[in-house]
Amino acid sequence: MRILSLDSNPVHQIRCLNAGGSPGMFAEETIPVLTGRVEGLPKGVDTLLITSDLQARETFHDSCGRPPRLLGEAIPERLADEWLPAWGFSPARTAVVLAGDFWTEPALDARGGIGNVSDVWRAFGRHFAWVAGVAGNHDAFGPQPGTPPRFAGNLHFFDGTSRCFGSLRIGGVSGILGNPRKPWRRTDEDYLSRLETVLHEPLDLLILHDGPDAPHHRLKGRANVRERIESRPPKLVVRGHDHWPAPLVELPAGVQVLNVDKRVVVLSR
């Protein structure tokens, strides 16, 4: 899988609400939607929708009087019913990649926190062909943070694992490097061990929440993750967690890295 082009001009801006800079304050923000072209999609899929770090809620206008939902729970229906068809894409032939962090506190009174994002995954699964993804450090999937979800059907969760979707092999590692006493944080040794396991098979797409740096482009991330990736390079890495001003770069080993932190990227055949 290789991205052939990515338009730097958003085709759409998704309005949303996020916690403000002080308690009791919130702010309206926008999430850009970028479009591009890709080769290597499996049979039955013409479009790949990729996103992460949608740590926001829908606007009060869009919530129609109910408490604002998580943005990742609210937008799949509009993507499938309105936006993708208007841009010439078929939702039934669209797959989704989620690179983690879809929680925002309901009262919009603080940034961060940890909460259940299962409904985000299920919302994407209802409207698209299949969903593949990993957990971010703000995600939970039930009352016990750090416990992997038990998804079924067309929802596929990765954590040191991989699988084939037709001709496309996808793998992923959940969480970030950090204090292992906190949910979805791991020691360097644990994280890199899971990464090496998933890189054992040649991958077309590697999904991470935390991820490699790109020192030639002065973009932050993990040097040790980049070194492991370059030792057994997948064709494409998707990551979130650290926001990069440039969404797509190529590492010296020829690996493309797509950063989707606070972005939605739609890649078509």
C-alpha atoms as a PDB file:
ATOM      1  CA  MET A   1       0.000   0.000   0.000  1.00  0.00           C
ATOM      2  CA  ARG A   2       1.374   3.368  -1.015  1.00  0.00           C
ATOM      3  CA  ILE A   3      -0.144   6.854  -0.984  1.00  0.00           C
ATOM      4  CA  LEU A   4       0.244   8.374  -4.436  1.00  0.00           C
ATOM      5  CA  SER A   5      -1.016  11.868  -3.619  1.00  0.00           C
ATOM      6  CA  LEU A   6      -2.558  13.829  -0.744  1.00  0.00           C
ATOM      7  CA  ASP A   7      -4.262  17.174  -1.240  1.00  0.00           C
ATOM      8  CA  SER A   8      -3.122  19.734   1.315  1.00  0.00           C
ATOM      9  CA  ASN A   9      -6.361  21.733   0.891  1.00  0.00           C
ATOM     10  CA  PRO A  10      -9.205  20.269   2.989  1.00  0.00           C
ATOM     11  CA  VAL A  11     -12.296  19.188   1.101  1.00  0.00           C
ATOM     12  CA  HIS A  12     -14.327  19.886   4.254  1.00  0.00           C
ATOM     13  CA  GLN A  13     -13.992  21.194   7.813  1.00  0.00           C
ATOM     14  CA  ILE A  14     -15.933  19.359  10.557  1.00  0.00           C
ATOM     15  CA  ARG A  15     -17.135  21.704  13.290  1.00  0.00           C
ATOM     16  CA  CYS A  16     -16.869  20.412  16.862  1.00  0.00           C
ATOM     17  CA  LEU A  17     -16.602  21.418  20.532  1.00  0.00           C
ATOM     18  CA  ASN A  18     -13.565  20.952  22.749  1.00  0.00           C
ATOM     19  CA  ALA A  19     -12.674  21.917  26.287  1.00  0.00           C
ATOM     20  CA  GLY A  20     -11.281  25.424  26.572  1.00  0.00           C
ATOM     21  CA  GLY A  21      -8.189  26.678  28.296  1.00  0.00           C
ATOM     22  CA  SER A  22      -9.809  27.009  31.735  1.00  0.00           C
ATOM     23  CA  PRO A  23     -12.494  25.158  33.743  1.00  0.00           C
ATOM     24  CA  GLY A  24     -16.030  25.845  32.583  1.00  0.00           C
ATOM     25  CA  MET A  25     -14.913  27.109  29.189  1.00  0.00           C
ATOM     26  CA  PHE A  26     -15.199  25.344  25.850  1.00  0.00           C
ATOM     27  CA  ALA A  27     -14.215  26.268  22.323  1.00  0.00           C
ATOM     28  CA  GLU A  28     -15.448  25.530  18.827  1.00  0.00           C
ATOM     29  CA  GLU A  29     -12.804  23.920  16.617  1.00  0.00           C
ATOM     30  CA  THR A  30     -12.630  22.353  13.171  1.00  0.00           C
ATOM     31  CA  ILE A  31     -11.243  19.023  11.985  1.00  0.00           C
ATOM     32  CA  PRO A  32      -9.949  19.085   8.401  1.00  0.00           C
ATOM     33  CA  VAL A  33     -10.868  16.351   5.927  1.00  0.00           C
ATOM     34  CA  LEU A  34      -8.117  15.649   3.390  1.00  0.00           C
ATOM     35  CA  THR A  35      -8.436  13.503   0.279  1.00  0.00           C
ATOM     36  CA  GLY A  36      -5.850  11.584  -1.703  1.00  0.00           C
ATOM     37  CA  ARG A  37      -5.082   8.593  -3.881  1.00  0.00           C
ATOM     38  CA  VAL A  38      -3.645   5.253  -2.824  1.00  0.00           C
ATOM     39  CA  GLU A  39      -2.630   1.987  -4.442  1.00  0.00           C
ATOM     40  CA  GLY A  40      -2.889  -1.455  -2.891  1.00  0.00           C
ATOM     41  CA  LEU A  41      -6.445  -1.482  -1.570  1.00  0.00           C
ATOM     42  CA  PRO A  42      -7.937  -4.988  -1.256  1.00  0.00           C
ATOM     43  CA  LYS A  43     -10.748  -6.314  -3.412  1.00  0.00           C
ATOM     44  CA  GLY A  44     -14.127  -4.898  -2.395  1.00  0.00           C
ATOM     45  CA  VAL A  45     -12.671  -1.688  -0.964  1.00  0.00           C
ATOM     46  CA  ASP A  46     -12.354   1.460  -3.067  1.00  0.00           C
ATOM     47  CA  THR A  47     -11.810   3.966  -0.235  1.00  0.00           C
ATOM     48  CA  LEU A  48      -9.941   4.007   3.071  1.00  0.00           C
ATOM     49  CA  LEU A  49     -11.055   6.491   5.761  1.00  0.00           C
ATOM     50  CA  ILE A  50      -8.343   7.110   8.384  1.00  0.00           C
ATOM     51  CA  THR A  51      -8.516   9.220  11.550  1.00  0.00           C
ATOM     52  CA  SER A  52      -7.362   9.612  15.152  1.00  0.00           C
ATOM     53  CA  ASP A  53      -7.422  11.979  18.118  1.00  0.00           C
ATOM     54  CA  LEU A  54     -10.943  13.263  17.522  1.00  0.00           C
ATOM     55  CA  GLN A  55     -10.994  14.385  21.154  1.00  0.00           C
ATOM     56  CA  ALA A  56     -14.053  16.573  20.783  1.00  0.00           C
ATOM     57  CA  ARG A  57     -17.853  16.473  20.818  1.00  0.00           C
ATOM     58  CA  GLU A  58     -20.438  17.446  18.239  1.00  0.00           C
ATOM     59  CA  THR A  59     -21.733  21.014  18.304  1.00  0.00           C
ATOM     60  CA  PHE A  60     -24.895  21.961  20.206  1.00  0.00           C
ATOM     61  CA  HIS A  61     -26.554  22.659  16.856  1.00  0.00           C
ATOM     62  CA  ASP A  62     -25.790  19.155  15.593  1.00  0.00           C
ATOM     63  CA  SER A  63     -26.837  17.526  18.869  1.00  0.00           C
ATOM     64  CA  CYS A  64     -30.427  18.789  18.401  1.00  0.00           C
ATOM     65  CA  GLY A  65     -31.071  19.318  22.109  1.00  0.00           C
ATOM     66  CA  ARG A  66     -29.477  16.124  23.411  1.00  0.00           C
ATOM     67  CA  PRO A  67     -26.116  16.010  25.210  1.00  0.00           C
ATOM     68  CA  PRO A  68     -23.389  16.319  22.577  1.00  0.00           C
ATOM     69  CA  ARG A  69     -22.006  12.951  21.544  1.00  0.00           C
ATOM     70  CA  LEU A  70     -18.352  12.127  21.048  1.00  0.00           C
ATOM     71  CA  LEU A  71     -17.359  13.478  17.657  1.00  0.00           C
ATOM     72  CA  GLY A  72     -16.269  10.032  16.516  1.00  0.00           C
ATOM     73  CA  GLU A  73     -19.716   8.672  17.378  1.00  0.00           C
ATOM     74  CA  ALA A  74     -21.554  11.518  15.667  1.00  0.00           C
ATOM     75  CA  ILE A  75     -19.825  11.857  12.299  1.00  0.00           C
ATOM     76  CA  PRO A  76     -19.944   8.338  10.749  1.00  0.00           C
ATOM     77  CA  GLU A  77     -23.614   8.718   9.799  1.00  0.00           C
ATOM     78  CA  ARG A  78     -23.020  12.092   8.143  1.00  0.00           C
ATOM     79  CA  LEU A  79     -19.917  10.788   6.404  1.00  0.00           C
ATOM     80  CA  ALA A  80     -21.880   7.844   5.008  1.00  0.00           C
ATOM     81  CA  ASP A  81     -25.137   9.618   4.175  1.00  0.00           C
ATOM     82  CA  GLU A  82     -23.961  13.070   3.103  1.00  0.00           C
ATOM     83  CA  TRP A  83     -20.278  13.832   2.760  1.00  0.00           C
ATOM     84  CA  LEU A  84     -18.724  10.757   1.110  1.00  0.00           C
ATOM     85  CA  PRO A  85     -21.443  10.416  -1.563  1.00  0.00           C
ATOM     86  CA  ALA A  86     -21.100  14.137  -2.325  1.00  0.00           C
ATOM     87  CA  TRP A  87     -17.362  13.615  -2.890  1.00  0.00           C
ATOM     88  CA  GLY A  88     -17.959  10.592  -5.132  1.00  0.00           C
ATOM     89  CA  PHE A  89     -17.164   7.794  -2.655  1.00  0.00           C
ATOM     90  CA  SER A  90     -19.278   4.721  -1.830  1.00  0.00           C
ATOM     91  CA  PRO A  91     -19.703   4.082   1.932  1.00  0.00           C
ATOM     92  CA  ALA A  92     -20.385   0.388   1.277  1.00  0.00           C
ATOM     93  CA  ARG A  93     -16.932   0.091  -0.321  1.00  0.00           C
ATOM     94  CA  THR A  94     -15.169   2.200   2.327  1.00  0.00           C
ATOM     95  CA  ALA A  95     -13.062   0.708   5.134  1.00  0.00           C
ATOM     96  CA  VAL A  96     -11.978   2.600   8.252  1.00  0.00           C
ATOM     97  CA  VAL A  97      -8.694   2.825  10.177  1.00  0.00           C
ATOM     98  CA  LEU A  98      -8.830   4.240  13.731  1.00  0.00           C
ATOM     99  CA  ALA A  99      -5.494   5.203  15.309  1.00  0.00           C
ATOM    100  CA  GLY A 100      -6.781   5.915  18.829  1.00  0.00           C
ATOM    101  CA  ASP A 101      -7.897   8.674  21.226  1.00  0.00           C
ATOM    102  CA  PHE A 102     -11.588   9.401  20.716  1.00  0.00           C
ATOM    103  CA  TRP A 103     -12.583  10.428  24.257  1.00  0.00           C
ATOM    104  CA  THR A 104     -13.508  13.897  25.543  1.00  0.00           C
ATOM    105  CA  GLU A 105     -15.185  14.629  28.884  1.00  0.00           C
ATOM    106  CA  PRO A 106     -18.981  15.109  28.538  1.00  0.00           C
ATOM    107  CA  ALA A 107     -19.027  18.472  30.347  1.00  0.00           C
ATOM    108  CA  LEU A 108     -16.200  19.822  28.168  1.00  0.00           C
ATOM    109  CA  ASP A 109     -14.647  21.093  31.393  1.00  0.00           C
ATOM    110  CA  ALA A 110     -11.197  19.541  31.034  1.00  0.00           C
ATOM    111  CA  ARG A 111      -8.930  18.170  28.355  1.00  0.00           C
ATOM    112  CA  GLY A 112      -7.688  14.620  28.615  1.00  0.00           C
ATOM    113  CA  GLY A 113      -9.366  12.030  30.786  1.00  0.00           C
ATOM    114  CA  ILE A 114     -10.207   8.436  29.907  1.00  0.00           C
ATOM    115  CA  GLY A 115     -13.591   7.133  28.806  1.00  0.00           C
ATOM    116  CA  ASN A 116     -15.429   4.431  26.894  1.00  0.00           C
ATOM    117  CA  VAL A 117     -15.101   4.835  23.118  1.00  0.00           C
ATOM    118  CA  SER A 118     -16.794   1.576  22.129  1.00  0.00           C
ATOM    119  CA  ASP A 119     -19.720   3.489  20.619  1.00  0.00           C
ATOM    120  CA  VAL A 120     -17.284   5.314  18.324  1.00  0.00           C
ATOM    121  CA  TRP A 121     -16.058   2.021  16.894  1.00  0.00           C
ATOM    122  CA  ARG A 122     -19.593   0.659  16.594  1.00  0.00           C
ATOM    123  CA  ALA A 123     -20.803   3.804  14.827  1.00  0.00           C
ATOM    124  CA  PHE A 124     -18.102   3.451  12.170  1.00  0.00           C
ATOM    125  CA  GLY A 125     -18.828  -0.276  11.922  1.00  0.00           C
ATOM    126  CA  ARG A 126     -22.526   0.335  11.250  1.00  0.00           C
ATOM    127  CA  HIS A 127     -21.856   2.564   8.271  1.00  0.00           C
ATOM    128  CA  PHE A 128     -18.747   1.136   6.601  1.00  0.00           C
ATOM    129  CA  ALA A 129     -17.384  -2.165   5.300  1.00  0.00           C
ATOM    130  CA  TRP A 130     -14.993  -2.867   8.184  1.00  0.00           C
ATOM    131  CA  VAL A 131     -12.994  -1.109  10.891  1.00  0.00           C
ATOM    132  CA  ALA A 132      -9.389  -1.791  11.925  1.00  0.00           C
ATOM    133  CA  GLY A 133      -7.658   0.103  14.696  1.00  0.00           C
ATOM    134  CA  VAL A 134      -5.793   0.460  17.970  1.00  0.00           C
ATOM    135  CA  ALA A 135      -6.383   2.064  21.365  1.00  0.00           C
ATOM    136  CA  GLY A 136      -5.022   5.444  22.367  1.00  0.00           C
ATOM    137  CA  ASN A 137      -4.011   6.375  25.896  1.00  0.00           C
ATOM    138  CA  HIS A 138      -7.329   8.203  26.501  1.00  0.00           C
ATOM    139  CA  ASP A 139      -9.499   5.289  25.314  1.00  0.00           C
ATOM    140  CA  ALA A 140     -11.373   2.708  27.368  1.00  0.00           C
ATOM    141  CA  PHE A 141     -13.716  -0.038  26.192  1.00  0.00           C
ATOM    142  CA  GLY A 142     -15.637  -0.722  29.372  1.00  0.00           C
ATOM    143  CA  PRO A 143     -15.540  -0.007  33.112  1.00  0.00           C
ATOM    144  CA  GLN A 144     -11.936  -1.187  33.495  1.00  0.00           C
ATOM    145  CA  PRO A 145      -9.502   1.105  31.602  1.00  0.00           C
ATOM    146  CA  GLY A 146      -6.713  -0.735  29.834  1.00  0.00           C
ATOM    147  CA  THR A 147      -8.820  -3.821  29.088  1.00  0.00           C
ATOM    148  CA  PRO A 148      -8.959  -4.717  25.369  1.00  0.00           C
ATOM    149  CA  PRO A 149     -12.388  -4.675  23.745  1.00  0.00           C
ATOM    150  CA  ARG A 150     -14.272  -7.810  22.729  1.00  0.00           C
ATOM    151  CA  PHE A 151     -15.503  -6.636  19.371  1.00  0.00           C
ATOM    152  CA  ALA A 152     -17.095  -8.977  16.853  1.00  0.00           C
ATOM    153  CA  GLY A 153     -18.287  -8.802  13.280  1.00  0.00           C
ATOM    154  CA  ASN A 154     -16.540  -6.163  11.190  1.00  0.00           C
ATOM    155  CA  LEU A 155     -14.621  -4.490  14.066  1.00  0.00           C
ATOM    156  CA  HIS A 156     -10.958  -5.544  14.301  1.00  0.00           C
ATOM    157  CA  PHE A 157      -8.808  -4.431  17.246  1.00  0.00           C
ATOM    158  CA  PHE A 158      -5.012  -4.730  17.112  1.00  0.00           C
ATOM    159  CA  ASP A 159      -2.416  -4.885  19.857  1.00  0.00           C
ATOM    160  CA  GLY A 160       0.733  -6.667  18.757  1.00  0.00           C
ATOM    161  CA  THR A 161      -1.332  -8.604  16.228  1.00  0.00           C
ATOM    162  CA  SER A 162      -1.998  -8.641  12.492  1.00  0.00           C
ATOM    163  CA  ARG A 163      -4.413 -10.119   9.989  1.00  0.00           C
ATOM    164  CA  CYS A 164      -5.167 -10.104   6.283  1.00  0.00           C
ATOM    165  CA  PHE A 165      -8.070  -8.308   4.661  1.00  0.00           C
ATOM    166  CA  GLY A 166      -7.950  -9.958   1.277  1.00  0.00           C
ATOM    167  CA  SER A 167      -4.578  -8.988  -0.201  1.00  0.00           C
ATOM    168  CA  LEU A 168      -3.919  -6.369   2.492  1.00  0.00           C
ATOM    169  CA  ARG A 169      -2.053  -7.342   5.683  1.00  0.00           C
ATOM    170  CA  ILE A 170      -2.645  -4.928   8.568  1.00  0.00           C
ATOM    171  CA  GLY A 171      -1.018  -4.961  11.986  1.00  0.00           C
ATOM    172  CA  GLY A 172      -1.049  -2.638  14.946  1.00  0.00           C
ATOM    173  CA  VAL A 173       0.121  -1.847  18.475  1.00  0.00           C
ATOM    174  CA  SER A 174      -2.113  -0.038  20.958  1.00  0.00           C
ATOM    175  CA  GLY A 175      -1.184   2.563  23.563  1.00  0.00           C
ATOM    176  CA  ILE A 176       1.938   4.658  24.093  1.00  0.00           C
ATOM    177  CA  LEU A 177       5.349   4.352  25.707  1.00  0.00           C
ATOM    178  CA  GLY A 178       5.101   5.552  29.287  1.00  0.00           C
ATOM    179  CA  ASN A 179       4.279   4.691  32.880  1.00  0.00           C
ATOM    180  CA  PRO A 180       2.800   1.147  32.808  1.00  0.00           C
ATOM    181  CA  ARG A 181       0.728   1.884  35.922  1.00  0.00           C
ATOM    182  CA  LYS A 182      -1.515   4.031  33.719  1.00  0.00           C
ATOM    183  CA  PRO A 183      -3.954   2.541  31.155  1.00  0.00           C
ATOM    184  CA  TRP A 184      -2.561   1.892  27.676  1.00  0.00           C
ATOM    185  CA  ARG A 185       0.948   2.971  28.638  1.00  0.00           C
ATOM    186  CA  ARG A 186       3.833   0.535  28.366  1.00  0.00           C
ATOM    187  CA  THR A 187       7.510   0.295  29.148  1.00  0.00           C
ATOM    188  CA  ASP A 188       9.795   0.733  26.165  1.00  0.00           C
ATOM    189  CA  GLU A 189      10.673  -2.967  26.357  1.00  0.00           C
ATOM    190  CA  ASP A 190       7.034  -4.098  26.317  1.00  0.00           C
ATOM    191  CA  TYR A 191       5.969  -1.745  23.519  1.00  0.00           C
ATOM    192  CA  LEU A 192       8.955  -2.545  21.300  1.00  0.00           C
ATOM    193  CA  SER A 193       8.493  -6.279  21.875  1.00  0.00           C
ATOM    194  CA  ARG A 194       4.894  -6.052  20.638  1.00  0.00           C
ATOM    195  CA  LEU A 195       6.032  -3.961  17.700  1.00  0.00           C
ATOM    196  CA  GLU A 196       8.707  -6.494  16.740  1.00  0.00           C
ATOM    197  CA  THR A 197       6.118  -9.284  16.938  1.00  0.00           C
ATOM    198  CA  VAL A 198       3.745  -7.524  14.569  1.00  0.00           C
ATOM    199  CA  LEU A 199       6.575  -6.606  12.183  1.00  0.00           C
ATOM    200  CA  HIS A 200       7.590 -10.268  11.910  1.00  0.00           C
ATOM    201  CA  GLU A 201       5.136 -10.622   9.006  1.00  0.00           C
ATOM    202  CA  PRO A 202       5.551  -8.272   6.017  1.00  0.00           C
ATOM    203  CA  LEU A 203       2.926  -5.567   6.542  1.00  0.00           C
ATOM    204  CA  ASP A 204       1.134  -3.400   4.021  1.00  0.00           C
ATOM    205  CA  LEU A 205      -0.197  -1.133   6.784  1.00  0.00           C
ATOM    206  CA  LEU A 206       0.963  -0.639  10.382  1.00  0.00           C
ATOM    207  CA  ILE A 207      -1.432   1.208  12.735  1.00  0.00           C
ATOM    208  CA  LEU A 208       0.025   2.912  15.813  1.00  0.00           C
ATOM    209  CA  HIS A 209      -1.194   5.545  18.244  1.00  0.00           C
ATOM    210  CA  ASP A 210       2.231   6.562  19.494  1.00  0.00           C
ATOM    211  CA  GLY A 211       4.736   6.294  16.689  1.00  0.00           C
ATOM    212  CA  PRO A 212       7.997   7.132  14.992  1.00  0.00           C
ATOM    213  CA  ASP A 213       9.663  10.485  14.792  1.00  0.00           C
ATOM    214  CA  ALA A 214      10.828  11.918  11.462  1.00  0.00           C
ATOM    215  CA  PRO A 215      14.086  13.705  12.312  1.00  0.00           C
ATOM    216  CA  HIS A 216      14.848  14.678   8.725  1.00  0.00           C
ATOM    217  CA  HIS A 217      11.600  16.668   8.786  1.00  0.00           C
ATOM    218  CA  ARG A 218      12.007  17.799  12.426  1.00  0.00           C
ATOM    219  CA  LEU A 219       8.784  16.035  13.437  1.00  0.00           C
ATOM    220  CA  LYS A 220       8.455  14.616  16.941  1.00  0.00           C
ATOM    221  CA  GLY A 221       7.876  11.027  17.913  1.00  0.00           C
ATOM    222  CA  ARG A 222       9.817   8.011  19.138  1.00  0.00           C
ATOM    223  CA  ALA A 223      13.278   7.390  17.717  1.00  0.00           C
ATOM    224  CA  ASN A 224      13.335   3.805  19.030  1.00  0.00           C
ATOM    225  CA  VAL A 225      10.001   3.067  17.317  1.00  0.00           C
ATOM    226  CA  ARG A 226      11.338   4.484  14.046  1.00  0.00           C
ATOM    227  CA  GLU A 227      14.474   2.331  14.324  1.00  0.00           C
ATOM    228  CA  ARG A 228      12.409  -0.847  14.761  1.00  0.00           C
ATOM    229  CA  ILE A 229      10.181   0.104  11.834  1.00  0.00           C
ATOM    230  CA  GLU A 230      13.145   0.805   9.578  1.00  0.00           C
ATOM    231  CA  SER A 231      14.651  -2.600  10.417  1.00  0.00           C
ATOM    232  CA  ARG A 232      11.584  -4.378   8.950  1.00  0.00           C
ATOM    233  CA  PRO A 233       9.768  -1.659   7.063  1.00  0.00           C
ATOM    234  CA  PRO A 234       6.043  -1.894   6.380  1.00  0.00           C
ATOM    235  CA  LYS A 235       4.781  -0.079   3.302  1.00  0.00           C
ATOM    236  CA  LEU A 236       2.732   2.498   5.212  1.00  0.00           C
ATOM    237  CA  VAL A 237       2.520   3.566   8.856  1.00  0.00           C
ATOM    238  CA  VAL A 238      -0.530   5.405  10.232  1.00  0.00           C
ATOM    239  CA  ARG A 239      -0.089   7.192  13.548  1.00  0.00           C
ATOM    240  CA  GLY A 240      -1.684   9.828  15.818  1.00  0.00           C
ATOM    241  CA  HIS A 241      -0.851  11.198  19.291  1.00  0.00           C
ATOM    242  CA  ASP A 242       1.668  13.872  18.190  1.00  0.00           C
ATOM    243  CA  HIS A 243       0.322  16.469  15.778  1.00  0.00           C
ATOM    244  CA  TRP A 244       2.497  17.093  12.733  1.00  0.00           C
ATOM    245  CA  PRO A 245       1.985  20.159  10.525  1.00  0.00           C
ATOM    246  CA  ALA A 246       2.792  17.941   7.532  1.00  0.00           C
ATOM    247  CA  PRO A 247       0.462  14.925   7.456  1.00  0.00           C
ATOM    248  CA  LEU A 248       2.571  12.722   5.155  1.00  0.00           C
ATOM    249  CA  VAL A 249       6.340  12.168   5.176  1.00  0.00           C
ATOM    250  CA  GLU A 250       8.692   9.468   3.974  1.00  0.00           C
ATOM    251  CA  LEU A 251      11.449   8.034   6.153  1.00  0.00           C
ATOM    252  CA  PRO A 252      14.910   7.347   4.672  1.00  0.00           C
ATOM    253  CA  ALA A 253      14.085   3.620   4.539  1.00  0.00           C
ATOM    254  CA  GLY A 254      11.243   4.417   2.127  1.00  0.00           C
ATOM    255  CA  VAL A 255       8.435   3.999   4.672  1.00  0.00           C
ATOM    256  CA  GLN A 256       5.572   6.462   4.342  1.00  0.00           C
ATOM    257  CA  VAL A 257       4.177   7.799   7.632  1.00  0.00           C
ATOM    258  CA  LEU A 258       0.685   9.314   7.632  1.00  0.00           C
ATOM    259  CA  ASN A 259      -0.111  11.425  10.701  1.00  0.00           C
ATOM    260  CA  VAL A 260      -3.875  11.687  11.269  1.00  0.00           C
ATOM    261  CA  ASP A 261      -3.860  13.416  14.661  1.00  0.00           C
ATOM    262  CA  LYS A 262      -6.983  15.655  14.587  1.00  0.00           C
ATOM    263  CA  ARG A 263      -7.511  14.869  10.900  1.00  0.00           C
ATOM    264  CA  VAL A 264      -9.757  12.755   8.738  1.00  0.00           C
ATOM    265  CA  VAL A 265      -8.031  11.420   5.619  1.00  0.00           C
ATOM    266  CA  VAL A 266      -9.975   9.775   2.787  1.00  0.00           C
ATOM    267  CA  LEU A 267      -7.832   7.785   0.345  1.00  0.00           C
ATOM    268  CA  SER A 268      -9.381   6.392  -2.830  1.00  0.00           C
ATOM    269  CA  ARG A 269      -8.260   3.809  -5.348  1.00  0.00           C
END
